[in-house]
Protein backbone atom coordinates (compact mmCIF):
# COMPACT_ATOMS: atom_id res chain seq x y z
CA MET A 1 12.98 -52.92 22.39
CA LYS A 2 11.24 -50.79 19.72
CA PRO A 3 12.44 -47.22 19.25
CA PRO A 4 9.92 -44.51 20.16
CA MET A 5 7.69 -43.34 17.30
CA GLU A 6 8.75 -40.11 15.63
CA ASN A 7 6.49 -37.17 16.31
CA ASN A 8 5.50 -35.76 12.89
CA PHE A 9 3.93 -32.62 14.33
CA PRO A 10 6.24 -29.63 13.60
CA ASP A 11 7.81 -27.81 16.50
CA LYS A 12 7.26 -24.14 17.20
CA GLU A 13 10.10 -22.89 14.99
CA ARG A 14 9.00 -24.99 12.03
CA LEU A 15 5.41 -23.77 12.45
CA ILE A 16 6.60 -20.15 12.40
CA ALA A 17 8.68 -20.89 9.29
CA ASN A 18 5.69 -22.51 7.56
CA LEU A 19 3.50 -19.56 8.55
CA THR A 20 6.05 -17.11 7.12
CA ILE A 21 6.26 -19.01 3.82
CA ALA A 22 2.45 -19.10 3.61
CA PHE A 23 2.25 -15.37 4.32
CA GLU A 24 4.78 -14.59 1.58
CA ALA A 25 2.88 -16.80 -0.87
CA VAL A 26 -0.41 -15.00 -0.16
CA LEU A 27 1.26 -11.58 -0.51
CA SER A 28 2.90 -12.53 -3.80
CA ASN A 29 -0.52 -13.42 -5.21
CA ARG A 30 -2.59 -10.61 -3.69
CA VAL A 31 -5.11 -10.26 -6.52
CA ARG A 32 -5.78 -13.99 -6.69
CA SER A 33 -6.07 -14.16 -2.90
CA ILE A 34 -8.62 -11.32 -2.80
CA LEU A 35 -10.67 -12.87 -5.61
CA THR A 36 -10.52 -16.22 -3.81
CA GLY A 37 -11.83 -14.63 -0.61
CA LEU A 38 -14.76 -12.79 -2.25
CA GLY A 39 -17.16 -15.59 -1.34
CA ILE A 40 -16.05 -15.38 2.30
CA ILE A 41 -16.25 -11.57 2.27
CA PHE A 42 -19.83 -11.44 1.02
CA GLY A 43 -20.86 -14.42 3.14
CA VAL A 44 -19.61 -12.82 6.37
CA ALA A 45 -21.08 -9.44 5.37
CA ALA A 46 -24.44 -11.08 4.70
CA VAL A 47 -24.41 -12.85 8.08
CA ILE A 48 -23.63 -9.64 10.01
CA ALA A 49 -26.17 -7.53 8.07
CA MET A 50 -28.84 -10.24 8.38
CA LEU A 51 -28.38 -10.62 12.13
CA ALA A 52 -28.34 -6.83 12.55
CA ILE A 53 -31.67 -6.53 10.73
CA GLY A 54 -33.09 -9.44 12.75
CA ASN A 55 -31.95 -7.95 16.07
CA GLY A 56 -33.38 -4.57 15.10
CA ALA A 57 -36.72 -6.10 14.14
CA GLN A 58 -36.85 -8.09 17.38
CA LYS A 59 -36.13 -5.00 19.49
CA GLU A 60 -38.80 -3.04 17.63
CA ILE A 61 -41.36 -5.78 18.27
CA ILE A 62 -40.43 -5.90 21.98
CA ASP A 63 -40.80 -2.12 22.19
CA GLN A 64 -44.18 -2.38 20.49
CA ILE A 65 -45.31 -5.06 22.94
CA LYS A 66 -44.31 -2.72 25.78
CA LEU A 67 -46.36 0.06 24.18
CA VAL A 68 -49.52 -2.02 23.92
CA GLY A 69 -48.91 -3.78 27.24
CA LEU A 70 -48.35 -7.43 28.13
CA ASN A 71 -51.16 -10.00 27.90
CA ASN A 72 -53.66 -7.32 26.98
CA ILE A 73 -57.05 -7.61 25.32
CA VAL A 74 -58.30 -4.41 23.70
CA ILE A 75 -62.01 -3.74 23.10
CA LYS A 76 -62.82 -0.86 20.77
CA PRO A 77 -66.23 0.46 19.77
CA ILE A 78 -67.34 0.45 16.14
CA ILE A 79 -68.79 3.86 15.45
CA GLU A 80 -69.88 3.11 11.87
CA GLN A 81 -73.26 1.51 11.40
CA THR A 82 -73.15 -2.26 11.15
CA GLU A 83 -75.32 -4.51 8.99
CA GLU A 84 -77.51 -5.29 12.00
CA GLN A 85 -78.19 -1.59 12.53
CA VAL A 86 -79.07 -0.76 8.92
CA SER A 87 -82.69 -1.49 8.01
CA SER A 88 -83.63 -2.55 4.51
CA ASP A 89 -86.83 -2.31 2.46
CA ASP A 90 -87.72 -5.84 3.44
CA PRO A 91 -90.13 -5.59 6.45
CA PHE A 92 -88.72 -8.84 7.86
CA ASN A 93 -85.23 -7.28 8.03
CA LYS A 94 -86.46 -4.39 10.16
CA GLU A 95 -85.95 -6.62 13.18
CA LYS A 96 -82.22 -6.31 12.53
CA ASN A 97 -82.33 -2.62 13.43
CA LYS A 98 -81.67 -3.44 17.08
CA TYR A 99 -80.71 -1.19 19.96
CA SER A 100 -77.32 -1.36 21.65
CA PRO A 101 -76.22 0.69 24.66
CA GLY A 102 -72.67 0.78 23.27
CA LEU A 103 -69.45 0.20 25.16
CA THR A 104 -69.98 1.53 28.68
CA LEU A 105 -68.69 1.31 32.24
CA LYS A 106 -71.35 -1.35 32.84
CA ASP A 107 -69.46 -3.61 30.43
CA LYS A 108 -66.27 -2.97 32.36
CA ASN A 109 -67.92 -3.80 35.70
CA ALA A 110 -69.55 -6.96 34.33
CA ILE A 111 -66.27 -8.25 32.89
CA ALA A 112 -64.39 -7.53 36.12
CA LYS A 113 -67.07 -9.36 38.11
CA MET A 114 -67.40 -12.42 35.86
CA LEU A 115 -63.76 -13.13 34.95
CA PRO A 116 -61.44 -13.86 37.90
CA ASN A 117 -58.30 -14.12 35.75
CA ILE A 118 -58.41 -10.42 34.79
CA GLN A 119 -55.46 -8.75 36.53
CA ALA A 120 -56.36 -5.21 35.58
CA ILE A 121 -58.97 -3.41 33.54
CA SER A 122 -58.69 0.11 32.20
CA PRO A 123 -61.52 2.10 30.55
CA GLU A 124 -60.57 5.11 28.42
CA ILE A 125 -62.30 8.13 26.94
CA VAL A 126 -60.33 10.11 24.37
CA LYS A 127 -61.38 13.60 23.25
CA ASP A 128 -59.84 15.86 20.65
CA THR A 129 -59.35 19.21 22.31
CA TYR A 130 -57.02 22.16 22.51
CA ILE A 131 -54.68 23.39 25.23
CA MET A 132 -54.11 27.02 26.13
CA ASN A 133 -51.63 28.66 28.46
CA LYS A 134 -49.95 32.08 28.37
CA GLY A 135 -51.17 32.83 24.86
CA ILE A 136 -50.02 29.52 23.43
CA ARG A 137 -52.66 27.26 21.89
CA ARG A 138 -52.17 23.74 20.62
CA SER A 139 -54.36 20.77 19.68
CA ALA A 140 -54.00 17.69 21.86
CA LYS A 141 -55.75 14.60 23.19
CA LEU A 142 -57.62 14.66 26.48
CA VAL A 143 -57.59 11.12 27.87
CA GLY A 144 -59.87 10.08 30.72
CA VAL A 145 -58.37 7.10 32.55
CA GLU A 146 -58.29 5.25 35.85
CA PRO A 147 -55.08 4.37 37.81
CA PRO A 148 -54.62 0.87 36.24
CA TYR A 149 -53.99 2.56 32.88
CA PHE A 150 -50.51 3.76 33.86
CA LYS A 151 -49.48 0.33 35.10
CA LEU A 152 -50.85 -1.49 32.06
CA PHE A 153 -48.84 0.61 29.64
CA ASN A 154 -45.70 0.95 31.76
CA PHE A 155 -45.95 4.71 32.33
CA GLU A 156 -43.70 6.22 34.97
CA LEU A 157 -43.92 9.66 36.57
CA GLU A 158 -40.95 11.93 36.05
CA GLU A 159 -42.24 14.36 38.69
CA GLY A 160 -45.38 15.02 40.69
CA THR A 161 -47.97 12.52 41.96
CA MET A 162 -50.65 10.22 40.59
CA PHE A 163 -54.39 10.81 41.01
CA ASN A 164 -55.63 10.26 44.55
CA GLU A 165 -58.95 8.79 45.64
CA GLN A 166 -60.63 12.17 46.00
CA ASN A 167 -59.68 13.13 42.44
CA LEU A 168 -61.12 9.89 41.10
CA ILE A 169 -64.39 9.82 43.05
CA HIS A 170 -65.38 13.47 42.66
CA GLY A 171 -64.00 14.07 39.16
CA MET A 172 -61.69 16.91 40.25
CA PRO A 173 -60.20 19.25 37.58
CA VAL A 174 -56.67 17.83 37.74
CA CYS A 175 -54.39 16.34 35.10
CA ILE A 176 -51.11 14.56 34.38
CA ILE A 177 -49.34 15.77 31.26
CA GLY A 178 -46.96 14.20 28.77
CA LYS A 179 -43.35 15.27 28.39
CA SER A 180 -43.96 17.24 25.18
CA ILE A 181 -46.79 19.21 26.82
CA LYS A 182 -44.39 20.29 29.55
CA ALA A 183 -41.72 21.27 27.00
CA LYS A 184 -44.26 23.30 25.02
CA PHE A 185 -46.16 25.10 27.77
CA PHE A 186 -43.75 25.06 30.74
CA PRO A 187 -40.28 25.14 29.14
CA SER A 188 -38.51 26.94 31.99
CA GLU A 189 -40.66 26.30 35.06
CA ASN A 190 -41.99 23.49 37.19
CA PRO A 191 -45.55 22.74 35.98
CA ILE A 192 -46.67 21.01 39.20
CA GLY A 193 -49.54 23.01 40.68
CA LYS A 194 -49.87 25.26 37.63
CA LYS A 195 -53.10 25.70 35.65
CA LEU A 196 -53.64 24.53 32.07
CA LYS A 197 -56.79 25.19 30.05
CA CYS A 198 -58.06 22.10 28.21
CA GLY A 199 -61.11 22.89 26.15
CA ASN A 200 -63.45 24.88 28.36
CA GLN A 201 -61.98 23.68 31.69
CA TRP A 202 -58.97 24.83 33.70
CA LEU A 203 -57.01 21.85 35.04
CA THR A 204 -54.34 21.75 37.74
CA VAL A 205 -51.20 19.82 36.77
CA MET A 206 -50.44 17.05 39.28
CA GLY A 207 -47.63 15.24 37.49
CA VAL A 208 -45.48 14.84 34.37
CA LEU A 209 -44.89 11.47 32.69
CA GLU A 210 -41.50 10.29 31.53
CA GLN A 211 -40.90 10.65 27.82
CA ARG A 212 -41.96 7.76 25.61
CA ILE A 213 -39.88 7.33 22.46
CA ILE A 214 -42.21 6.06 19.74
CA SER A 215 -41.22 5.50 16.12
CA GLU A 216 -43.50 6.57 13.28
CA ASN A 217 -43.60 2.94 12.19
CA SER A 218 -45.03 1.91 15.57
CA ILE A 219 -47.61 4.71 15.46
CA LYS A 220 -48.85 3.58 12.03
CA ARG A 221 -48.67 -0.17 12.62
CA LEU A 222 -50.26 -0.23 16.07
CA GLY A 223 -52.64 2.67 15.59
CA ILE A 224 -51.34 4.36 18.73
CA ARG A 225 -50.89 8.08 19.31
CA ASP A 226 -48.00 10.17 20.55
CA TYR A 227 -48.39 9.72 24.32
CA ASN A 228 -46.06 12.65 24.98
CA MET A 229 -48.73 15.08 23.68
CA ASP A 230 -51.60 13.70 25.82
CA VAL A 231 -53.30 15.23 28.85
CA TYR A 232 -54.55 12.59 31.29
CA VAL A 233 -57.46 13.27 33.65
CA PRO A 234 -59.58 11.03 35.89
CA LEU A 235 -62.30 9.22 33.95
CA LYS A 236 -65.03 10.79 36.06
CA THR A 237 -63.64 14.24 35.31
CA VAL A 238 -64.39 13.67 31.62
CA LEU A 239 -67.86 12.27 32.35
CA ILE A 240 -68.80 15.11 34.72
CA ARG A 241 -67.02 18.15 33.29
CA TYR A 242 -66.78 17.39 29.56
CA GLU A 243 -69.10 14.81 28.03
CA ASN A 244 -70.92 11.63 28.97
CA ARG A 245 -72.20 9.95 25.80
CA ASP A 246 -74.22 7.51 27.90
CA LEU A 247 -76.59 10.35 28.81
CA ILE A 248 -79.05 11.77 26.31
CA THR A 249 -78.92 15.56 26.40
CA LYS A 250 -80.89 18.28 24.65
CA SER A 251 -77.87 19.23 22.55
CA MET A 252 -77.47 15.65 21.37
CA ILE A 253 -81.14 15.51 20.28
CA LYS A 254 -80.81 18.80 18.39
CA LYS A 255 -77.67 17.61 16.67
CA ALA A 256 -79.35 14.37 15.61
CA ASP A 257 -82.40 16.26 14.26
CA LYS A 258 -80.25 18.56 12.13
CA ASP A 259 -78.38 15.77 10.37
CA ASN A 260 -79.90 12.32 10.37
CA THR A 261 -77.24 10.97 7.98
CA THR A 262 -74.39 11.50 10.44
CA THR A 263 -73.36 8.47 12.43
CA THR A 264 -73.33 9.43 16.10
CA ASN A 265 -70.86 7.95 18.55
CA TYR A 266 -73.15 6.60 21.26
CA HIS A 267 -70.40 4.66 23.08
CA GLN A 268 -69.57 5.96 26.54
CA LEU A 269 -66.04 4.54 26.33
CA ASP A 270 -63.55 4.81 23.51
CA ARG A 271 -61.48 1.83 24.58
CA LEU A 272 -61.44 -0.89 27.21
CA VAL A 273 -58.14 -2.64 27.94
CA LEU A 274 -57.92 -5.81 30.02
CA GLN A 275 -54.83 -7.61 31.23
CA VAL A 276 -55.04 -11.39 31.55
CA ALA A 277 -52.92 -13.20 34.13
CA GLU A 278 -51.75 -16.02 31.82
CA THR A 279 -50.76 -15.67 28.16
CA GLU A 280 -52.14 -19.07 27.14
CA LYS A 281 -55.62 -17.98 28.28
CA LEU A 282 -55.74 -14.85 26.12
CA SER A 283 -57.76 -16.37 23.26
CA ALA A 284 -60.18 -18.22 25.54
CA THR A 285 -60.77 -15.08 27.63
CA ALA A 286 -61.36 -13.00 24.51
CA ASP A 287 -63.93 -15.57 23.34
CA ILE A 288 -65.80 -15.40 26.67
CA ILE A 289 -65.78 -11.59 26.56
CA ALA A 290 -67.15 -11.65 23.01
CA ARG A 291 -70.09 -13.85 24.06
CA MET A 292 -70.75 -11.71 27.15
CA LEU A 293 -70.76 -8.47 25.14
CA ALA A 294 -73.01 -10.03 22.50
CA ARG A 295 -75.66 -10.64 25.16
CA LYS A 296 -75.29 -7.21 26.75
CA HIS A 297 -75.37 -5.45 23.37
CA PHE A 298 -78.42 -7.47 22.18
CA ASP A 299 -76.42 -9.25 19.45
CA VAL A 300 -75.37 -5.96 17.86
CA VAL A 301 -71.72 -6.23 16.93
CA ASP A 302 -70.75 -2.61 17.55
CA TYR A 303 -67.35 -3.46 19.04
CA GLU A 304 -64.16 -5.25 18.04
CA ILE A 305 -61.82 -7.30 20.20
CA GLU A 306 -58.07 -7.32 19.53
CA ILE A 307 -55.14 -9.16 21.10
CA PRO A 308 -52.14 -6.98 20.15
CA GLU A 309 -49.51 -9.24 21.71
CA LEU A 310 -50.58 -12.26 19.67
CA LEU A 311 -50.52 -10.16 16.50
CA LEU A 312 -47.03 -8.92 17.34
CA LYS A 313 -45.82 -12.43 18.17
CA GLN A 314 -47.15 -13.62 14.83
CA GLN A 315 -45.21 -10.80 13.23
CA GLN A 316 -42.12 -11.88 15.18
CA ARG A 317 -42.51 -15.45 13.92
CA THR A 318 -42.72 -14.10 10.37
CA ASN A 319 -39.55 -12.10 10.97
CA ASP A 320 -37.84 -15.20 12.37
CA VAL A 321 -38.70 -17.17 9.22
CA PHE A 322 -37.36 -14.30 7.14
CA ASN A 323 -34.15 -14.30 9.20
CA TYR A 324 -33.77 -18.06 8.75
CA VAL A 325 -34.04 -17.63 4.99
CA LEU A 326 -31.45 -14.84 5.04
CA GLY A 327 -29.23 -16.98 7.26
CA ALA A 328 -29.48 -19.89 4.84
CA ILE A 329 -28.53 -17.62 1.94
CA ALA A 330 -25.58 -16.24 3.93
CA GLY A 331 -24.54 -19.79 4.87
CA ILE A 332 -24.64 -20.84 1.22
CA SER A 333 -22.46 -17.83 0.38
CA LEU A 334 -19.91 -18.97 2.96
CA LEU A 335 -20.08 -22.54 1.62
CA VAL A 336 -19.52 -21.34 -1.93
CA GLY A 337 -16.63 -19.21 -0.66
CA GLY A 338 -15.09 -22.29 0.99
CA ILE A 339 -15.42 -24.30 -2.23
CA GLY A 340 -13.79 -21.42 -4.09
CA ILE A 341 -10.86 -21.48 -1.66
CA MET A 342 -10.45 -25.25 -2.14
CA ASN A 343 -10.54 -24.96 -5.95
CA ILE A 344 -8.00 -22.15 -6.04
CA MET A 345 -5.73 -23.92 -3.57
CA LEU A 346 -5.87 -27.12 -5.66
CA ALA A 347 -4.92 -25.08 -8.73
CA SER A 348 -2.16 -23.47 -6.68
CA VAL A 349 -0.77 -26.91 -5.85
CA LEU A 350 -0.46 -27.73 -9.56
CA GLU A 351 1.25 -24.39 -10.22
CA ARG A 352 3.77 -24.86 -7.40
CA ILE A 353 4.75 -28.52 -7.78
CA LYS A 354 8.40 -27.59 -8.32
CA GLU A 355 8.37 -25.43 -5.19
CA ILE A 356 6.88 -28.29 -3.21
CA GLY A 357 9.47 -30.72 -4.58
CA LEU A 358 12.30 -28.31 -3.74
CA ARG A 359 11.11 -27.94 -0.13
CA LEU A 360 10.77 -31.68 0.30
CA SER A 361 14.21 -32.30 -1.18
CA ILE A 362 15.99 -29.92 1.22
CA GLY A 363 14.50 -31.51 4.33
CA ALA A 364 10.91 -30.30 4.69
CA LYS A 365 8.53 -32.90 6.03
CA LYS A 366 5.12 -33.68 4.59
CA THR A 367 3.55 -32.09 7.66
CA ASP A 368 5.38 -28.85 6.80
CA ILE A 369 3.79 -28.82 3.35
CA VAL A 370 0.38 -29.58 4.88
CA PHE A 371 0.65 -26.73 7.36
CA GLN A 372 1.97 -24.32 4.70
CA PHE A 373 -1.07 -24.77 2.44
CA MET A 374 -3.49 -24.87 5.38
CA PHE A 375 -2.05 -21.62 6.68
CA GLU A 376 -2.55 -20.07 3.24
CA ALA A 377 -6.19 -21.15 3.14
CA ILE A 378 -6.80 -19.89 6.70
CA MET A 379 -5.12 -16.55 5.92
CA ILE A 380 -7.29 -16.03 2.87
CA SER A 381 -10.49 -16.90 4.73
CA ALA A 382 -9.51 -14.89 7.85
CA THR A 383 -8.62 -11.84 5.75
CA GLY A 384 -11.89 -12.25 3.86
CA GLY A 385 -13.66 -12.49 7.21
CA ILE A 386 -12.13 -9.22 8.44
CA ILE A 387 -13.04 -7.41 5.21
CA GLY A 388 -16.49 -9.00 5.41
CA ILE A 389 -16.98 -7.67 8.95
CA PHE A 390 -16.38 -4.08 7.84
CA THR A 391 -18.55 -4.64 4.75
CA GLY A 392 -21.36 -6.11 6.86
CA VAL A 393 -21.25 -3.22 9.34
CA LEU A 394 -21.43 -0.71 6.48
CA MET A 395 -24.32 -2.66 4.92
CA ALA A 396 -26.21 -2.65 8.24
CA TYR A 397 -25.77 1.10 8.67
CA GLY A 398 -26.74 1.63 5.02
CA VAL A 399 -29.95 -0.37 5.41
CA SER A 400 -30.81 1.59 8.57
CA ALA A 401 -30.11 4.95 6.93
CA PHE A 402 -31.70 4.50 3.50
CA ALA A 403 -34.45 1.88 4.06
CA ASP A 404 -35.57 3.19 7.49
CA ILE A 405 -35.19 -0.29 9.00
CA PRO A 406 -33.75 -0.47 12.53
CA THR A 407 -30.54 -2.51 12.76
CA ILE A 408 -28.54 -3.60 15.80
CA ILE A 409 -25.04 -4.99 15.29
CA SER A 410 -24.11 -7.41 18.05
CA PHE A 411 -20.60 -8.46 19.04
CA GLY A 412 -21.77 -12.07 18.96
CA SER A 413 -22.66 -11.90 15.25
CA ILE A 414 -19.18 -10.57 14.45
CA VAL A 415 -17.47 -13.32 16.45
CA ILE A 416 -19.67 -16.07 14.98
CA SER A 417 -19.25 -14.94 11.37
CA PHE A 418 -15.48 -14.54 11.68
CA GLY A 419 -15.13 -17.89 13.46
CA VAL A 420 -17.18 -19.68 10.80
CA ALA A 421 -15.15 -18.03 8.02
CA THR A 422 -11.86 -19.15 9.58
CA LEU A 423 -13.22 -22.65 10.19
CA ILE A 424 -14.32 -22.91 6.55
CA GLY A 425 -10.80 -21.95 5.45
CA LEU A 426 -9.39 -24.69 7.68
CA ILE A 427 -11.85 -27.36 6.50
CA PHE A 428 -11.62 -26.58 2.78
CA GLY A 429 -7.85 -26.14 2.97
CA ILE A 430 -7.22 -29.69 4.19
CA ALA A 431 -7.74 -31.45 0.83
CA PRO A 432 -5.37 -29.19 -1.16
CA ALA A 433 -2.79 -29.35 1.65
CA ARG A 434 -2.84 -33.15 1.72
CA LYS A 435 -2.61 -33.28 -2.08
CA ALA A 436 0.46 -31.02 -1.93
CA ALA A 437 2.10 -33.16 0.77
CA GLN A 438 1.64 -36.37 -1.27
CA GLN A 439 3.82 -35.12 -4.13
CA ASN A 440 6.93 -37.13 -4.93
CA PRO A 441 9.93 -34.79 -4.53
CA ILE A 442 11.92 -36.30 -7.46
CA THR A 443 8.94 -36.21 -9.81
CA SER A 444 8.09 -32.70 -8.64
CA LEU A 445 11.57 -31.36 -9.44
CA ARG A 446 11.25 -32.72 -13.02
CA TYR A 447 7.74 -31.31 -13.45
CA GLU A 448 7.31 -28.82 -16.33
């Protein structure tokens, strides 16, 4: 009967002893250990900082998508004269000076009637005006909207009520104000039911919107305004009580006669936002709308059609590619750090041949030598990983503070980077450990 095979795996006490010896060896060569772990330190720091920048960019893009709405198509009028509207000296080109009614409520009604996949449609009129109350005057935007507007752009009421049917049909002098308007004009009182003068009209406050936090970067990139400083009124209130550019008035004729070189905004609406039910149909729907508007505007291209979500998703794809490149660079840094650990550990084996021979001669097994050198490699990489975590966090905060780039440090990125660093120490420590264990104890004791 054959005797049972000997288990070469060290027991718990021997593992602790090997770990202690490895710890003492790393401490006795602190400078070399730190220099060996520099690759791991910078690799881990790069991974954490890169993921923090990527997470921050992704959150910013998601916030921007929320600001412009989901699955939206935005139609904006072009106020400047287009090539079709400018006549030349050539008599044949005078036909290009065509008439267009501009962007109007008729366009909105036609689109809603012809396209069944439109979930919501929101016309807007925006006027620069001023607000007065109790001796305080401030410039602001007066925005004429219909109820779908608030749903499209995820606005929520903090207090008060939305416009009712009577307000909408009869163009009543009522308004909903942004959070900053309340803070400026009603700092210590409830504004609901109070009067606010906007331009030449007194409006009754019906509600206050929740605050929208918007970064300056989003305002510039998306061309949006600070919603917290807007005053919202029913669309018909603007058309009846302020201005309806679809109607030709005596004042408009006089203004045109005085200055023929000024380009007049003849569009009734300043923006038309449509929400499509399915994302994959955004481009096709925009193409249909473009053809429909071309017919209704007599082939005068005095409007532009944008799909903000597709532009933002393209930006997100660009950011993803950038993050992949940064990740590859960080991965190469970790790989170089692992190779550095292996090289230094191999050199350490040559320096400590006598020590290895002495341990083997007094009863240490080859597995003890293997675990000793593997523990050393893992300690160096794990310590480098810990230092790299703090370095990466500081780098992320530094980038956010000095470069004005949002960063979000996730617990997952810390765990992944530290785990990879430790794994690299284990993998690249195997070869030196096996080389150390293969030394002949007699030859090692004679080594000079």
